[in-house]
Amino acid sequence: WVISILTFFLSALLDNMTTAIVMIA
């Protein structure tokens, strides 16, 4: 839940590709 919610809102602020790269790291 923490990872999914963080990704969801971070991706709206950045973009989905950049957010995915950050979250995998």
PDB file of all heavy atoms in Angstrom:
ATOM      1  N   TRP A   1       0.821  -1.205   0.000  1.00  0.00           N
ATOM      2  CA  TRP A   1       0.000   0.000   0.000  1.00  0.00           C
ATOM      3  C   TRP A   1       0.859   1.262   0.000  1.00  0.00           C
ATOM      4  O   TRP A   1       0.567   2.222  -0.718  1.00  0.00           O
ATOM      5  CB  TRP A   1      -0.939  -0.001   1.209  1.00  0.00           C
ATOM      6  CG  TRP A   1      -2.165  -0.833   1.002  1.00  0.00           C
ATOM      7  CD1 TRP A   1      -2.420  -2.080   1.497  1.00  0.00           C
ATOM      8  CD2 TRP A   1      -3.311  -0.485   0.219  1.00  0.00           C
ATOM      9  NE1 TRP A   1      -3.651  -2.538   1.083  1.00  0.00           N
ATOM     10  CE2 TRP A   1      -4.227  -1.576   0.304  1.00  0.00           C
ATOM     11  CE3 TRP A   1      -3.667   0.635  -0.525  1.00  0.00           C
ATOM     12  CZ2 TRP A   1      -5.456  -1.557  -0.347  1.00  0.00           C
ATOM     13  CZ3 TRP A   1      -4.900   0.645  -1.176  1.00  0.00           C
ATOM     14  CH2 TRP A   1      -5.773  -0.438  -1.081  1.00  0.00           C
ATOM     15  N   VAL A   2       1.906   1.258   0.800  1.00  0.00           N
ATOM     16  CA  VAL A   2       2.795   2.423   0.866  1.00  0.00           C
ATOM     17  C   VAL A   2       3.415   2.705  -0.502  1.00  0.00           C
ATOM     18  O   VAL A   2       3.400   3.841  -0.993  1.00  0.00           O
ATOM     19  CB  VAL A   2       3.901   2.202   1.922  1.00  0.00           C
ATOM     20  CG1 VAL A   2       4.964   3.299   1.808  1.00  0.00           C
ATOM     21  CG2 VAL A   2       3.317   2.191   3.323  1.00  0.00           C
ATOM     22  N   ILE A   3       3.943   1.643  -1.130  1.00  0.00           N
ATOM     23  CA  ILE A   3       4.605   1.800  -2.433  1.00  0.00           C
ATOM     24  C   ILE A   3       3.603   2.245  -3.499  1.00  0.00           C
ATOM     25  O   ILE A   3       3.882   3.142  -4.311  1.00  0.00           O
ATOM     26  CB  ILE A   3       5.280   0.476  -2.847  1.00  0.00           C
ATOM     27  CG1 ILE A   3       6.457   0.149  -1.928  1.00  0.00           C
ATOM     28  CG2 ILE A   3       5.742   0.544  -4.300  1.00  0.00           C
ATOM     29  CD1 ILE A   3       7.576   1.155  -1.966  1.00  0.00           C
ATOM     30  N   SER A   4       2.413   1.645  -3.517  1.00  0.00           N
ATOM     31  CA  SER A   4       1.421   1.945  -4.557  1.00  0.00           C
ATOM     32  C   SER A   4       0.893   3.374  -4.437  1.00  0.00           C
ATOM     33  O   SER A   4       0.779   4.093  -5.434  1.00  0.00           O
ATOM     34  CB  SER A   4       0.261   0.942  -4.482  1.00  0.00           C
ATOM     35  OG  SER A   4       0.711  -0.372  -4.723  1.00  0.00           O
ATOM     36  N   ILE A   5       0.565   3.797  -3.217  1.00  0.00           N
ATOM     37  CA  ILE A   5       0.035   5.152  -3.019  1.00  0.00           C
ATOM     38  C   ILE A   5       1.113   6.193  -3.327  1.00  0.00           C
ATOM     39  O   ILE A   5       0.845   7.212  -3.981  1.00  0.00           O
ATOM     40  CB  ILE A   5      -0.487   5.314  -1.572  1.00  0.00           C
ATOM     41  CG1 ILE A   5      -1.721   4.429  -1.371  1.00  0.00           C
ATOM     42  CG2 ILE A   5      -0.826   6.775  -1.278  1.00  0.00           C
ATOM     43  CD1 ILE A   5      -2.221   4.382   0.057  1.00  0.00           C
ATOM     44  N   LEU A   6       2.330   5.942  -2.862  1.00  0.00           N
ATOM     45  CA  LEU A   6       3.441   6.861  -3.146  1.00  0.00           C
ATOM     46  C   LEU A   6       3.668   6.988  -4.642  1.00  0.00           C
ATOM     47  O   LEU A   6       3.841   8.090  -5.176  1.00  0.00           O
ATOM     48  CB  LEU A   6       4.705   6.357  -2.448  1.00  0.00           C
ATOM     49  CG  LEU A   6       5.972   7.214  -2.604  1.00  0.00           C
ATOM     50  CD1 LEU A   6       5.742   8.615  -2.039  1.00  0.00           C
ATOM     51  CD2 LEU A   6       7.158   6.548  -1.914  1.00  0.00           C
ATOM     52  N   THR A   7       3.645   5.857  -5.344  1.00  0.00           N
ATOM     53  CA  THR A   7       3.841   5.860  -6.802  1.00  0.00           C
ATOM     54  C   THR A   7       2.720   6.611  -7.509  1.00  0.00           C
ATOM     55  O   THR A   7       2.959   7.397  -8.432  1.00  0.00           O
ATOM     56  CB  THR A   7       3.903   4.414  -7.336  1.00  0.00           C
ATOM     57  OG1 THR A   7       4.949   3.708  -6.681  1.00  0.00           O
ATOM     58  CG2 THR A   7       4.138   4.395  -8.838  1.00  0.00           C
ATOM     59  N   PHE A   8       1.491   6.387  -7.076  1.00  0.00           N
ATOM     60  CA  PHE A   8       0.314   6.982  -7.712  1.00  0.00           C
ATOM     61  C   PHE A   8       0.399   8.512  -7.708  1.00  0.00           C
ATOM     62  O   PHE A   8       0.226   9.158  -8.749  1.00  0.00           O
ATOM     63  CB  PHE A   8      -0.952   6.520  -6.984  1.00  0.00           C
ATOM     64  CG  PHE A   8      -2.230   7.056  -7.561  1.00  0.00           C
ATOM     65  CD1 PHE A   8      -2.820   6.456  -8.670  1.00  0.00           C
ATOM     66  CD2 PHE A   8      -2.852   8.161  -7.000  1.00  0.00           C
ATOM     67  CE1 PHE A   8      -4.013   6.956  -9.203  1.00  0.00           C
ATOM     68  CE2 PHE A   8      -4.037   8.662  -7.522  1.00  0.00           C
ATOM     69  CZ  PHE A   8      -4.615   8.060  -8.629  1.00  0.00           C
ATOM     70  N   PHE A   9       0.685   9.084  -6.564  1.00  0.00           N
ATOM     71  CA  PHE A   9       0.696  10.545  -6.462  1.00  0.00           C
ATOM     72  C   PHE A   9       2.005  11.151  -6.980  1.00  0.00           C
ATOM     73  O   PHE A   9       2.006  12.253  -7.533  1.00  0.00           O
ATOM     74  CB  PHE A   9       0.424  10.977  -5.021  1.00  0.00           C
ATOM     75  CG  PHE A   9      -1.005  10.762  -4.604  1.00  0.00           C
ATOM     76  CD1 PHE A   9      -1.359   9.696  -3.799  1.00  0.00           C
ATOM     77  CD2 PHE A   9      -1.998  11.607  -5.048  1.00  0.00           C
ATOM     78  CE1 PHE A   9      -2.679   9.488  -3.425  1.00  0.00           C
ATOM     79  CE2 PHE A   9      -3.324  11.418  -4.690  1.00  0.00           C
ATOM     80  CZ  PHE A   9      -3.673  10.348  -3.872  1.00  0.00           C
ATOM     81  N   LEU A  10       3.109  10.428  -6.811  1.00  0.00           N
ATOM     82  CA  LEU A  10       4.376  10.926  -7.331  1.00  0.00           C
ATOM     83  C   LEU A  10       4.352  10.987  -8.854  1.00  0.00           C
ATOM     84  O   LEU A  10       4.885  11.911  -9.468  1.00  0.00           O
ATOM     85  CB  LEU A  10       5.524  10.034  -6.855  1.00  0.00           C
ATOM     86  CG  LEU A  10       6.948  10.541  -7.115  1.00  0.00           C
ATOM     87  CD1 LEU A  10       7.176  11.872  -6.416  1.00  0.00           C
ATOM     88  CD2 LEU A  10       7.967   9.512  -6.643  1.00  0.00           C
ATOM     89  N   SER A  11       3.687  10.003  -9.474  1.00  0.00           N
ATOM     90  CA  SER A  11       3.615   9.955 -10.931  1.00  0.00           C
ATOM     91  C   SER A  11       2.801  11.105 -11.520  1.00  0.00           C
ATOM     92  O   SER A  11       3.057  11.561 -12.622  1.00  0.00           O
ATOM     93  CB  SER A  11       3.016   8.614 -11.334  1.00  0.00           C
ATOM     94  OG  SER A  11       2.140   8.660 -12.306  1.00  0.00           O
ATOM     95  N   ALA A  12       1.821  11.599 -10.752  1.00  0.00           N
ATOM     96  CA  ALA A  12       1.048  12.755 -11.204  1.00  0.00           C
ATOM     97  C   ALA A  12       1.879  14.027 -11.133  1.00  0.00           C
ATOM     98  O   ALA A  12       1.683  14.957 -11.919  1.00  0.00           O
ATOM     99  CB  ALA A  12      -0.203  12.915 -10.331  1.00  0.00           C
ATOM    100  N   LEU A  13       2.828  14.055 -10.206  1.00  0.00           N
ATOM    101  CA  LEU A  13       3.668  15.229 -10.044  1.00  0.00           C
ATOM    102  C   LEU A  13       4.827  15.234 -11.029  1.00  0.00           C
ATOM    103  O   LEU A  13       5.155  16.272 -11.611  1.00  0.00           O
ATOM    104  CB  LEU A  13       4.213  15.275  -8.610  1.00  0.00           C
ATOM    105  CG  LEU A  13       5.135  16.438  -8.246  1.00  0.00           C
ATOM    106  CD1 LEU A  13       4.382  17.763  -8.352  1.00  0.00           C
ATOM    107  CD2 LEU A  13       5.705  16.252  -6.843  1.00  0.00           C
ATOM    108  N   LEU A  14       5.442  14.085 -11.224  1.00  0.00           N
ATOM    109  CA  LEU A  14       6.554  13.964 -12.168  1.00  0.00           C
ATOM    110  C   LEU A  14       5.975  13.484 -13.489  1.00  0.00           C
ATOM    111  O   LEU A  14       5.328  14.208 -14.206  1.00  0.00           O
ATOM    112  CB  LEU A  14       7.601  12.990 -11.634  1.00  0.00           C
ATOM    113  CG  LEU A  14       8.186  13.302 -10.253  1.00  0.00           C
ATOM    114  CD1 LEU A  14       9.142  12.198  -9.810  1.00  0.00           C
ATOM    115  CD2 LEU A  14       8.905  14.623 -10.264  1.00  0.00           C
ATOM    116  N   ASP A  15       6.202  12.218 -13.812  1.00  0.00           N
ATOM    117  CA  ASP A  15       5.550  11.530 -14.916  1.00  0.00           C
ATOM    118  C   ASP A  15       5.713  10.046 -14.637  1.00  0.00           C
ATOM    119  O   ASP A  15       6.513   9.646 -13.790  1.00  0.00           O
ATOM    120  CB  ASP A  15       6.156  11.919 -16.279  1.00  0.00           C
ATOM    121  CG  ASP A  15       7.570  11.422 -16.430  1.00  0.00           C
ATOM    122  OD1 ASP A  15       7.751  10.276 -16.857  1.00  0.00           O
ATOM    123  OD2 ASP A  15       8.499  12.179 -16.108  1.00  0.00           O
ATOM    124  N   ASN A  16       4.934   9.216 -15.337  1.00  0.00           N
ATOM    125  CA  ASN A  16       4.910   7.791 -14.973  1.00  0.00           C
ATOM    126  C   ASN A  16       6.247   7.090 -15.180  1.00  0.00           C
ATOM    127  O   ASN A  16       6.641   6.235 -14.385  1.00  0.00           O
ATOM    128  CB  ASN A  16       3.784   7.051 -15.709  1.00  0.00           C
ATOM    129  CG  ASN A  16       3.746   7.361 -17.190  1.00  0.00           C
ATOM    130  OD1 ASN A  16       4.701   7.924 -17.751  1.00  0.00           O
ATOM    131  ND2 ASN A  16       2.658   7.004 -17.839  1.00  0.00           N
ATOM    132  N   MET A  17       6.982   7.442 -16.223  1.00  0.00           N
ATOM    133  CA  MET A  17       8.251   6.771 -16.490  1.00  0.00           C
ATOM    134  C   MET A  17       9.304   7.141 -15.442  1.00  0.00           C
ATOM    135  O   MET A  17       9.972   6.261 -14.883  1.00  0.00           O
ATOM    136  CB  MET A  17       8.767   7.117 -17.887  1.00  0.00           C
ATOM    137  CG  MET A  17      10.069   6.420 -18.238  1.00  0.00           C
ATOM    138  SD  MET A  17      10.585   6.750 -19.943  1.00  0.00           S
ATOM    139  CE  MET A  17      10.935   8.501 -19.869  1.00  0.00           C
ATOM    140  N   THR A  18       9.439   8.429 -15.162  1.00  0.00           N
ATOM    141  CA  THR A  18      10.416   8.868 -14.167  1.00  0.00           C
ATOM    142  C   THR A  18      10.080   8.289 -12.799  1.00  0.00           C
ATOM    143  O   THR A  18      10.964   7.831 -12.065  1.00  0.00           O
ATOM    144  CB  THR A  18      10.440  10.403 -14.086  1.00  0.00           C
ATOM    145  OG1 THR A  18      10.692  10.933 -15.384  1.00  0.00           O
ATOM    146  CG2 THR A  18      11.515  10.881 -13.133  1.00  0.00           C
ATOM    147  N   THR A  19       8.792   8.297 -12.453  1.00  0.00           N
ATOM    148  CA  THR A  19       8.366   7.751 -11.160  1.00  0.00           C
ATOM    149  C   THR A  19       8.693   6.270 -11.060  1.00  0.00           C
ATOM    150  O   THR A  19       9.154   5.794 -10.012  1.00  0.00           O
ATOM    151  CB  THR A  19       6.858   7.965 -10.971  1.00  0.00           C
ATOM    152  OG1 THR A  19       6.576   9.371 -11.007  1.00  0.00           O
ATOM    153  CG2 THR A  19       6.385   7.396  -9.644  1.00  0.00           C
ATOM    154  N   ALA A  20       8.455   5.529 -12.147  1.00  0.00           N
ATOM    155  CA  ALA A  20       8.753   4.094 -12.135  1.00  0.00           C
ATOM    156  C   ALA A  20      10.243   3.856 -11.893  1.00  0.00           C
ATOM    157  O   ALA A  20      10.627   2.959 -11.125  1.00  0.00           O
ATOM    158  CB  ALA A  20       8.320   3.453 -13.451  1.00  0.00           C
ATOM    159  N   ILE A  21      11.082   4.644 -12.519  1.00  0.00           N
ATOM    160  CA  ILE A  21      12.530   4.511 -12.342  1.00  0.00           C
ATOM    161  C   ILE A  21      12.912   4.778 -10.885  1.00  0.00           C
ATOM    162  O   ILE A  21      13.696   4.029 -10.280  1.00  0.00           O
ATOM    163  CB  ILE A  21      13.282   5.468 -13.282  1.00  0.00           C
ATOM    164  CG1 ILE A  21      13.044   5.065 -14.747  1.00  0.00           C
ATOM    165  CG2 ILE A  21      14.777   5.474 -12.981  1.00  0.00           C
ATOM    166  CD1 ILE A  21      13.577   6.069 -15.754  1.00  0.00           C
ATOM    167  N   VAL A  22      12.346   5.834 -10.300  1.00  0.00           N
ATOM    168  CA  VAL A  22      12.633   6.174  -8.902  1.00  0.00           C
ATOM    169  C   VAL A  22      12.176   5.057  -7.964  1.00  0.00           C
ATOM    170  O   VAL A  22      12.906   4.653  -7.052  1.00  0.00           O
ATOM    171  CB  VAL A  22      11.948   7.512  -8.528  1.00  0.00           C
ATOM    172  CG1 VAL A  22      12.041   7.764  -7.023  1.00  0.00           C
ATOM    173  CG2 VAL A  22      12.567   8.659  -9.301  1.00  0.00           C
ATOM    174  N   MET A  23      10.976   4.531  -8.196  1.00  0.00           N
ATOM    175  CA  MET A  23      10.419   3.534  -7.290  1.00  0.00           C
ATOM    176  C   MET A  23      11.161   2.201  -7.376  1.00  0.00           C
ATOM    177  O   MET A  23      11.306   1.496  -6.366  1.00  0.00           O
ATOM    178  CB  MET A  23       8.934   3.330  -7.593  1.00  0.00           C
ATOM    179  CG  MET A  23       8.065   4.555  -7.317  1.00  0.00           C
ATOM    180  SD  MET A  23       8.299   5.293  -5.682  1.00  0.00           S
ATOM    181  CE  MET A  23       7.762   3.962  -4.629  1.00  0.00           C
ATOM    182  N   ILE A  24      11.635   1.843  -8.551  1.00  0.00           N
ATOM    183  CA  ILE A  24      12.418   0.605  -8.664  1.00  0.00           C
ATOM    184  C   ILE A  24      13.729   0.744  -7.904  1.00  0.00           C
ATOM    185  O   ILE A  24      14.189  -0.193  -7.233  1.00  0.00           O
ATOM    186  CB  ILE A  24      12.682   0.260 -10.145  1.00  0.00           C
ATOM    187  CG1 ILE A  24      11.376  -0.084 -10.850  1.00  0.00           C
ATOM    188  CG2 ILE A  24      13.651  -0.911 -10.256  1.00  0.00           C
ATOM    189  CD1 ILE A  24      10.574  -1.209 -10.205  1.00  0.00           C
ATOM    190  N   ALA A  25      14.321   1.937  -7.984  1.00  0.00           N
ATOM    191  CA  ALA A  25      15.538   2.184  -7.202  1.00  0.00           C
ATOM    192  C   ALA A  25      15.254   2.034  -5.717  1.00  0.00           C
ATOM    193  O   ALA A  25      16.074   1.495  -4.959  1.00  0.00           O
ATOM    194  CB  ALA A  25      16.085   3.569  -7.514  1.00  0.00           C
TER     195      ALA A  25
END
